[in-house]
Amino acid sequence: MTEVKQQGQVFKRHAIFWGAVLAIFIVFLFLFRSILLPFFAGMALAYFLDPVADRLERWGLSRMMATIVILVSFLVIFVLSLIVILPIVFTQAGDFIVKIPDYVVTLQTMLTSPDSHWMPDWIAAELPDIRQNSVRLLQQAAGFLATLIQQLWNSGLALLDILSLFIVTPVVAFYLLLDWDRMVAKVDSWIPRQHLMTVRSLAREIDLSIAGFVRGQGSLCLILGLYYGVLLSISGLNFGLLIGLFAGMISFVPYVGSMVGLVLAVGVALVQFWPDYVWVAVIACIFFSGQFLEGNILQPKLVGSSVGLHPVWLMFALLAFGVLFGFVGLLVAVPLAAAIGVLVRFALSRYLDSALYHGPPKTIGAPHGGFLIEPDLDFRKKGD
């Protein structure tokens, strides 16, 4: 009984300590959320590029030279994209916002016109009611979509003010990438020795989950964005680059990016190409081929099955941290969601192996002469 009480006290002290650490971290994020962006961006960049630095070290470069080569290459690519791609995207975004009402009205006219030969007779008979309801729904949807895109556009313009801080991000990324291995070893030295193997095991699982998502899913989103943007632009679709990049960037939630991109692209294609339905089918096939590429090639190769982030949990984490901490919350949402998922699975496995789940051993017979019966752990495998 004394040993059980001591274990309970130790557990209580640990719970209080780590609860206090979590509370301090949340308060820190809340108080300094307006200045943390370049630091978290630099940390994410260093984490993303650390495997590349390790590989360059294996090829014979020093850690300093590997860090310099990686960051210079990254900055060159970033500046070129900033000069070449972003002006086109911002121009298309502005034009798209202006033309949303016209596109919605044109789609509404096409769908409810009595001259639509593809419409069945039983639907045409109800056409007046359909037209009235569709006008109301489309007006509401157009208002919501225009407001949402305008807010995103304003946020994008606000982010331009943060470009002045981009000089901080490469500096932070440089020092973190240079000292990454030493920092990991230092943190490892702080771990309580009696829990060293457990913490290392959890850390490896968290790293695997975060790396699978941040590096794997991030690369997948970038490839899909370029794939959709280039093919839609080649097909001649208005705002093709904007729609393609947007669909790729939100593909971190499975199926959402492709579905949203498909709806936007087909809607624009109907207005632009109809009645030449062949080009509308071509636009749809681009997204279907992107889904095939993602599901059969990119997802298994880049991400694999080790991420362990359910789409619903991911969306909740992004919305929750985004509301609480703004753009900084979006940056830390995925790593924290992955870490919380690993810790919850670990706690659940401990619970399923504990007496709290199985119950205490049962005794049969007299108090001093009875014998123990272990809980039946295989009851789920047996029949009635």
Protein backbone atom coordinates (compact mmCIF):
# COMPACT_ATOMS: atom_id res chain seq x y z
CA MET A 1 0.00 0.00 0.00
CA THR A 2 2.86 2.37 0.83
CA GLU A 3 4.49 1.69 -2.54
CA VAL A 4 1.22 2.36 -4.37
CA LYS A 5 0.81 5.62 -2.45
CA GLN A 6 4.36 6.68 -3.34
CA GLN A 7 3.75 5.92 -7.02
CA GLY A 8 0.58 7.97 -6.87
CA GLN A 9 2.44 10.90 -5.37
CA VAL A 10 5.16 10.67 -8.03
CA PHE A 11 2.52 10.57 -10.77
CA LYS A 12 0.79 13.58 -9.21
CA ARG A 13 4.04 15.57 -9.13
CA HIS A 14 4.76 14.70 -12.77
CA ALA A 15 1.23 15.67 -13.81
CA ILE A 16 1.50 19.02 -12.01
CA PHE A 17 4.94 19.72 -13.50
CA TRP A 18 4.03 18.94 -17.11
CA GLY A 19 0.67 20.67 -16.75
CA ALA A 20 2.50 23.80 -15.59
CA VAL A 21 4.92 23.51 -18.53
CA LEU A 22 2.00 23.23 -20.96
CA ALA A 23 0.24 26.22 -19.38
CA ILE A 24 3.40 28.33 -19.58
CA PHE A 25 3.85 27.38 -23.24
CA ILE A 26 0.26 28.33 -24.09
CA VAL A 27 0.58 31.68 -22.26
CA PHE A 28 3.88 32.31 -24.03
CA LEU A 29 2.28 31.69 -27.43
CA PHE A 30 -0.65 33.96 -26.58
CA LEU A 31 1.45 36.85 -25.27
CA PHE A 32 4.09 36.86 -28.01
CA ARG A 33 2.03 35.59 -30.97
CA SER A 34 2.53 38.87 -32.86
CA ILE A 35 6.34 38.51 -33.02
CA LEU A 36 6.81 34.74 -33.13
CA LEU A 37 6.15 34.28 -36.86
CA PRO A 38 9.76 34.53 -38.16
CA PHE A 39 11.06 32.36 -35.32
CA PHE A 40 8.56 29.55 -35.86
CA ALA A 41 9.01 29.86 -39.63
CA GLY A 42 12.77 29.58 -39.18
CA MET A 43 12.34 26.56 -36.88
CA ALA A 44 10.03 24.86 -39.38
CA LEU A 45 12.47 25.60 -42.20
CA ALA A 46 15.41 24.20 -40.23
CA TYR A 47 13.44 21.07 -39.32
CA PHE A 48 12.37 20.62 -42.95
CA LEU A 49 15.94 20.94 -44.27
CA ASP A 50 17.83 19.02 -41.55
CA PRO A 51 17.81 15.69 -43.48
CA VAL A 52 19.36 17.47 -46.47
CA ALA A 53 22.11 18.87 -44.25
CA ASP A 54 22.75 15.41 -42.80
CA ARG A 55 23.08 13.96 -46.30
CA LEU A 56 25.50 16.69 -47.38
CA GLU A 57 27.56 15.93 -44.28
CA ARG A 58 27.73 12.28 -45.30
CA TRP A 59 29.00 13.45 -48.71
CA GLY A 60 31.95 15.17 -47.01
CA LEU A 61 30.81 18.75 -46.37
CA SER A 62 31.11 20.30 -42.95
CA ARG A 63 27.94 21.26 -41.11
CA MET A 64 28.70 24.95 -41.73
CA MET A 65 29.18 24.50 -45.48
CA ALA A 66 26.12 22.24 -45.75
CA THR A 67 23.98 24.86 -43.97
CA ILE A 68 25.27 27.67 -46.21
CA VAL A 69 24.68 25.68 -49.41
CA ILE A 70 21.14 24.70 -48.37
CA LEU A 71 20.00 28.17 -47.29
CA VAL A 72 21.55 29.95 -50.28
CA SER A 73 19.84 27.49 -52.65
CA PHE A 74 16.54 27.86 -50.82
CA LEU A 75 16.72 31.66 -50.89
CA VAL A 76 17.49 31.68 -54.62
CA ILE A 77 14.48 29.47 -55.34
CA PHE A 78 12.28 31.54 -53.03
CA VAL A 79 13.31 34.86 -54.59
CA LEU A 80 12.77 33.53 -58.13
CA SER A 81 9.29 32.30 -57.20
CA LEU A 82 8.60 35.62 -55.51
CA ILE A 83 9.53 37.49 -58.69
CA VAL A 84 8.00 35.16 -61.28
CA ILE A 85 5.01 33.34 -59.75
CA LEU A 86 3.59 35.54 -57.00
CA PRO A 87 2.84 38.59 -59.18
CA ILE A 88 0.81 36.36 -61.53
CA VAL A 89 -1.02 34.74 -58.61
CA PHE A 90 -1.87 38.07 -56.99
CA THR A 91 -3.09 39.49 -60.30
CA GLN A 92 -5.28 36.47 -60.95
CA ALA A 93 -6.60 36.57 -57.37
CA GLY A 94 -7.66 40.21 -57.76
CA ASP A 95 -9.37 39.54 -61.09
CA PHE A 96 -11.07 36.42 -59.73
CA ILE A 97 -12.56 38.32 -56.79
CA VAL A 98 -13.96 40.95 -59.15
CA LYS A 99 -15.48 38.38 -61.53
CA ILE A 100 -17.05 36.05 -58.97
CA PRO A 101 -20.54 37.67 -59.20
CA ASP A 102 -20.52 37.44 -63.02
CA TYR A 103 -19.47 33.79 -62.93
CA VAL A 104 -22.21 32.96 -60.43
CA VAL A 105 -24.90 34.70 -62.49
CA THR A 106 -23.75 32.95 -65.67
CA LEU A 107 -23.77 29.55 -63.99
CA GLN A 108 -27.22 30.21 -62.57
CA THR A 109 -28.51 31.14 -66.03
CA MET A 110 -27.00 28.03 -67.61
CA LEU A 111 -28.41 25.67 -65.00
CA THR A 112 -31.95 27.09 -64.96
CA SER A 113 -32.42 28.10 -68.60
CA PRO A 114 -35.43 26.42 -70.28
CA ASP A 115 -33.25 25.91 -73.38
CA SER A 116 -30.96 23.53 -71.53
CA HIS A 117 -31.33 20.34 -73.62
CA TRP A 118 -29.58 18.20 -71.05
CA MET A 119 -32.29 18.84 -68.47
CA PRO A 120 -34.89 16.02 -68.05
CA ASP A 121 -38.56 16.88 -68.65
CA TRP A 122 -39.59 16.22 -65.05
CA ILE A 123 -37.05 18.81 -63.91
CA ALA A 124 -38.08 21.29 -66.61
CA ALA A 125 -41.66 21.11 -65.34
CA GLU A 126 -40.49 22.36 -61.97
CA LEU A 127 -38.20 24.95 -63.54
CA PRO A 128 -39.84 28.11 -62.10
CA ASP A 129 -39.45 26.89 -58.52
CA ILE A 130 -35.95 25.63 -59.21
CA ARG A 131 -34.96 28.96 -60.73
CA GLN A 132 -36.31 30.91 -57.75
CA ASN A 133 -34.62 28.68 -55.19
CA SER A 134 -31.36 28.47 -57.11
CA VAL A 135 -31.17 32.25 -57.46
CA ARG A 136 -31.54 32.65 -53.72
CA LEU A 137 -29.03 29.92 -52.90
CA LEU A 138 -26.50 31.12 -55.45
CA GLN A 139 -26.78 34.68 -54.21
CA GLN A 140 -26.14 33.53 -50.66
CA ALA A 141 -23.26 31.29 -51.75
CA ALA A 142 -21.77 34.07 -53.86
CA GLY A 143 -21.95 36.50 -50.95
CA PHE A 144 -20.29 34.01 -48.61
CA LEU A 145 -17.60 33.08 -51.15
CA ALA A 146 -16.86 36.68 -52.03
CA THR A 147 -16.56 37.60 -48.35
CA LEU A 148 -14.32 34.62 -47.64
CA ILE A 149 -12.01 35.26 -50.58
CA GLN A 150 -11.88 38.97 -49.78
CA GLN A 151 -10.83 38.16 -46.23
CA LEU A 152 -8.17 35.77 -47.50
CA TRP A 153 -7.02 38.39 -49.97
CA ASN A 154 -6.81 41.03 -47.25
CA SER A 155 -4.88 38.58 -45.08
CA GLY A 156 -2.52 37.98 -47.98
CA LEU A 157 -1.97 41.70 -48.36
CA ALA A 158 -1.41 41.95 -44.62
CA LEU A 159 1.20 39.23 -44.90
CA LEU A 160 3.11 41.46 -47.28
CA ASP A 161 3.82 43.68 -44.30
CA ILE A 162 5.60 40.70 -42.74
CA LEU A 163 8.01 40.53 -45.66
CA SER A 164 10.15 43.00 -43.73
CA LEU A 165 10.66 40.24 -41.15
CA PHE A 166 11.78 37.69 -43.73
CA ILE A 167 15.33 38.68 -43.08
CA VAL A 168 14.88 37.28 -39.56
CA THR A 169 13.60 33.89 -40.75
CA PRO A 170 16.73 32.91 -42.76
CA VAL A 171 18.95 34.00 -39.87
CA VAL A 172 16.95 31.91 -37.38
CA ALA A 173 16.89 28.97 -39.79
CA PHE A 174 20.65 29.26 -40.36
CA TYR A 175 21.58 29.06 -36.67
CA LEU A 176 19.03 26.37 -35.86
CA LEU A 177 20.07 24.23 -38.80
CA LEU A 178 23.74 24.70 -37.90
CA ASP A 179 23.19 23.64 -34.26
CA TRP A 180 20.32 21.19 -34.77
CA ASP A 181 22.16 18.02 -33.75
CA ARG A 182 23.74 19.71 -30.73
CA MET A 183 20.36 21.03 -29.60
CA VAL A 184 18.80 17.57 -29.86
CA ALA A 185 21.66 16.08 -27.82
CA LYS A 186 21.30 18.84 -25.21
CA VAL A 187 17.58 18.26 -24.81
CA ASP A 188 18.25 14.53 -24.58
CA SER A 189 20.60 15.18 -21.66
CA TRP A 190 17.76 16.87 -19.74
CA ILE A 191 15.50 13.80 -19.81
CA PRO A 192 15.06 12.00 -16.45
CA ARG A 193 17.25 8.92 -16.64
CA GLN A 194 14.62 6.50 -15.35
CA HIS A 195 12.28 7.49 -18.22
CA LEU A 196 14.97 7.88 -20.88
CA MET A 197 13.98 4.97 -23.13
CA THR A 198 10.26 5.77 -22.94
CA VAL A 199 10.79 9.44 -23.77
CA ARG A 200 13.17 8.59 -26.62
CA SER A 201 10.64 6.13 -28.03
CA LEU A 202 7.88 8.74 -27.87
CA ALA A 203 10.17 11.37 -29.39
CA ARG A 204 11.04 9.08 -32.30
CA GLU A 205 7.36 8.39 -32.93
CA ILE A 206 6.50 12.09 -32.74
CA ASP A 207 9.38 12.93 -35.08
CA LEU A 208 8.24 10.23 -37.50
CA SER A 209 4.69 11.57 -37.46
CA ILE A 210 5.70 15.21 -37.87
CA ALA A 211 8.33 14.44 -40.49
CA GLY A 212 5.88 12.33 -42.46
CA PHE A 213 3.43 15.19 -42.54
CA VAL A 214 5.60 18.31 -42.67
CA ARG A 215 8.18 16.96 -45.10
CA GLY A 216 6.13 14.35 -46.91
CA GLN A 217 2.77 16.10 -47.10
CA GLY A 218 4.44 19.47 -47.66
CA SER A 219 6.32 18.09 -50.66
CA LEU A 220 3.13 16.44 -51.90
CA CYS A 221 1.20 19.73 -51.70
CA LEU A 222 3.94 21.56 -53.58
CA ILE A 223 4.07 18.95 -56.35
CA LEU A 224 0.27 18.83 -56.69
CA GLY A 225 0.05 22.63 -56.75
CA LEU A 226 2.58 22.83 -59.58
CA TYR A 227 0.91 19.91 -61.39
CA TYR A 228 -2.57 21.45 -61.28
CA GLY A 229 -1.34 24.99 -61.94
CA VAL A 230 0.78 24.12 -64.96
CA LEU A 231 -1.79 21.82 -66.61
CA LEU A 232 -4.71 24.19 -66.01
CA SER A 233 -2.68 27.07 -67.43
CA ILE A 234 -1.70 25.01 -70.49
CA SER A 235 -5.36 24.08 -71.02
CA GLY A 236 -6.17 27.79 -71.23
CA LEU A 237 -8.42 27.96 -68.17
CA ASN A 238 -8.90 31.41 -66.75
CA PHE A 239 -7.18 31.74 -63.37
CA GLY A 240 -5.68 28.27 -63.94
CA LEU A 241 -2.45 28.95 -62.05
CA LEU A 242 -4.32 30.45 -59.08
CA ILE A 243 -6.82 27.58 -58.85
CA GLY A 244 -4.13 24.93 -59.29
CA LEU A 245 -1.78 26.32 -56.65
CA PHE A 246 -4.67 26.86 -54.25
CA ALA A 247 -5.90 23.27 -54.73
CA GLY A 248 -2.40 21.93 -54.16
CA MET A 249 -1.70 24.01 -51.08
CA ILE A 250 -4.86 22.86 -49.29
CA SER A 251 -4.24 19.20 -50.18
CA PHE A 252 -2.74 18.66 -46.72
CA VAL A 253 -6.30 17.61 -45.81
CA PRO A 254 -6.91 14.50 -47.95
CA TYR A 255 -9.42 14.93 -50.78
CA VAL A 256 -10.35 18.48 -49.73
CA GLY A 257 -7.86 20.24 -51.99
CA SER A 258 -8.74 18.23 -55.08
CA MET A 259 -12.49 18.52 -54.49
CA VAL A 260 -12.38 22.28 -53.92
CA GLY A 261 -10.10 22.74 -56.91
CA LEU A 262 -12.35 20.53 -59.05
CA VAL A 263 -15.46 22.55 -58.18
CA LEU A 264 -13.75 25.88 -58.84
CA ALA A 265 -12.08 24.75 -62.05
CA VAL A 266 -15.17 23.07 -63.52
CA GLY A 267 -17.31 26.07 -62.59
CA VAL A 268 -14.94 28.44 -64.39
CA ALA A 269 -14.65 26.00 -67.31
CA LEU A 270 -18.43 25.83 -67.72
CA VAL A 271 -18.63 29.60 -68.03
CA GLN A 272 -15.56 29.86 -70.25
CA PHE A 273 -15.90 26.86 -72.60
CA TRP A 274 -19.59 25.87 -72.69
CA PRO A 275 -21.05 24.39 -74.91
CA ASP A 276 -17.66 22.91 -75.82
CA TYR A 277 -18.01 20.22 -73.15
CA VAL A 278 -14.81 18.48 -74.28
CA TRP A 279 -12.68 21.14 -72.58
CA VAL A 280 -14.82 20.92 -69.44
CA ALA A 281 -14.09 17.19 -69.39
CA VAL A 282 -10.39 17.91 -69.90
CA ILE A 283 -10.38 20.18 -66.84
CA ALA A 284 -12.11 17.50 -64.77
CA CYS A 285 -9.65 14.85 -66.00
CA ILE A 286 -6.74 16.98 -64.79
CA PHE A 287 -8.01 16.70 -61.22
CA PHE A 288 -8.88 13.02 -61.56
CA SER A 289 -5.36 12.33 -62.81
CA GLY A 290 -4.02 14.38 -59.90
CA GLN A 291 -6.00 12.19 -57.49
CA PHE A 292 -4.55 9.08 -59.13
CA LEU A 293 -1.05 10.53 -58.93
CA GLU A 294 -1.53 11.46 -55.27
CA GLY A 295 -3.09 8.18 -54.14
CA ASN A 296 -0.89 5.73 -56.03
CA ILE A 297 2.51 7.42 -56.34
CA LEU A 298 3.03 10.53 -54.20
CA GLN A 299 1.23 9.50 -51.01
CA PRO A 300 2.95 6.08 -50.64
CA LYS A 301 6.38 7.44 -51.59
CA LEU A 302 6.44 10.76 -49.73
CA VAL A 303 4.13 10.27 -46.76
CA GLY A 304 3.52 6.56 -46.22
CA SER A 305 1.30 5.19 -43.48
CA SER A 306 3.20 6.50 -40.46
CA VAL A 307 1.65 9.95 -40.10
CA GLY A 308 -1.33 8.96 -37.96
CA LEU A 309 -3.19 12.29 -38.32
CA HIS A 310 -6.88 11.81 -38.95
CA PRO A 311 -8.28 14.48 -41.34
CA VAL A 312 -10.98 15.51 -38.84
CA TRP A 313 -8.43 15.91 -36.03
CA LEU A 314 -6.17 17.85 -38.39
CA MET A 315 -8.93 20.26 -39.44
CA PHE A 316 -9.96 20.79 -35.81
CA ALA A 317 -6.36 21.51 -34.78
CA LEU A 318 -5.85 23.99 -37.62
CA LEU A 319 -9.08 25.85 -36.85
CA ALA A 320 -8.57 25.82 -33.09
CA PHE A 321 -4.95 27.00 -33.10
CA GLY A 322 -5.66 29.44 -35.92
CA VAL A 323 -8.45 31.08 -33.92
CA LEU A 324 -6.39 31.17 -30.71
CA PHE A 325 -3.02 32.27 -32.04
CA GLY A 326 -3.56 33.49 -35.60
CA PHE A 327 -1.02 32.62 -38.28
CA VAL A 328 1.48 31.42 -35.67
CA GLY A 329 -1.16 28.97 -34.48
CA LEU A 330 -1.44 27.57 -38.00
CA LEU A 331 2.32 26.98 -38.03
CA VAL A 332 2.34 25.05 -34.75
CA ALA A 333 -1.00 23.28 -35.25
CA VAL A 334 0.31 20.31 -37.23
CA PRO A 335 3.35 19.55 -35.02
CA LEU A 336 1.29 19.89 -31.85
CA ALA A 337 -1.54 17.81 -33.30
CA ALA A 338 0.95 15.08 -34.21
CA ALA A 339 2.58 15.20 -30.77
CA ILE A 340 -0.77 15.13 -28.97
CA GLY A 341 -1.89 12.20 -31.13
CA VAL A 342 1.22 10.20 -30.23
CA LEU A 343 0.87 10.98 -26.51
CA VAL A 344 -2.82 10.06 -26.51
CA ARG A 345 -2.09 6.73 -28.21
CA PHE A 346 0.67 6.07 -25.67
CA ALA A 347 -1.64 6.90 -22.74
CA LEU A 348 -4.36 4.70 -24.22
CA SER A 349 -1.97 1.76 -24.61
CA ARG A 350 -0.87 2.15 -20.99
CA TYR A 351 -4.50 2.25 -19.88
CA LEU A 352 -5.35 -0.91 -21.85
CA ASP A 353 -2.44 -2.71 -20.14
CA SER A 354 -3.29 -1.48 -16.65
CA ALA A 355 -5.40 -2.88 -13.83
CA LEU A 356 -7.71 0.09 -14.28
CA TYR A 357 -8.88 -1.53 -17.54
CA HIS A 358 -8.60 -5.24 -16.66
CA GLY A 359 -9.55 -4.91 -13.02
CA PRO A 360 -7.69 -6.37 -10.00
CA PRO A 361 -6.97 -10.13 -9.88
CA LYS A 362 -9.84 -12.13 -8.44
CA THR A 363 -9.51 -14.60 -5.54
CA ILE A 364 -11.46 -17.76 -4.87
CA GLY A 365 -11.61 -19.56 -1.52
CA ALA A 366 -10.87 -18.46 2.01
CA PRO A 367 -9.08 -15.15 2.54
CA HIS A 368 -5.87 -16.93 3.60
CA GLY A 369 -6.19 -20.07 1.54
CA GLY A 370 -7.58 -18.78 -1.70
CA PHE A 371 -5.77 -18.60 -5.00
CA LEU A 372 -5.49 -15.89 -7.64
CA ILE A 373 -7.30 -15.98 -10.97
CA GLU A 374 -5.81 -13.66 -13.54
CA PRO A 375 -8.25 -11.60 -15.63
CA ASP A 376 -9.30 -13.26 -18.87
CA LEU A 377 -7.45 -11.16 -21.44
CA ASP A 378 -8.59 -13.25 -24.41
CA PHE A 379 -12.33 -13.03 -23.89
CA ARG A 380 -12.75 -11.18 -27.19
CA LYS A 381 -11.29 -14.14 -29.08
CA LYS A 382 -13.71 -16.67 -27.63
CA GLY A 383 -17.22 -17.42 -28.66
CA ASP A 384 -20.28 -17.32 -26.49
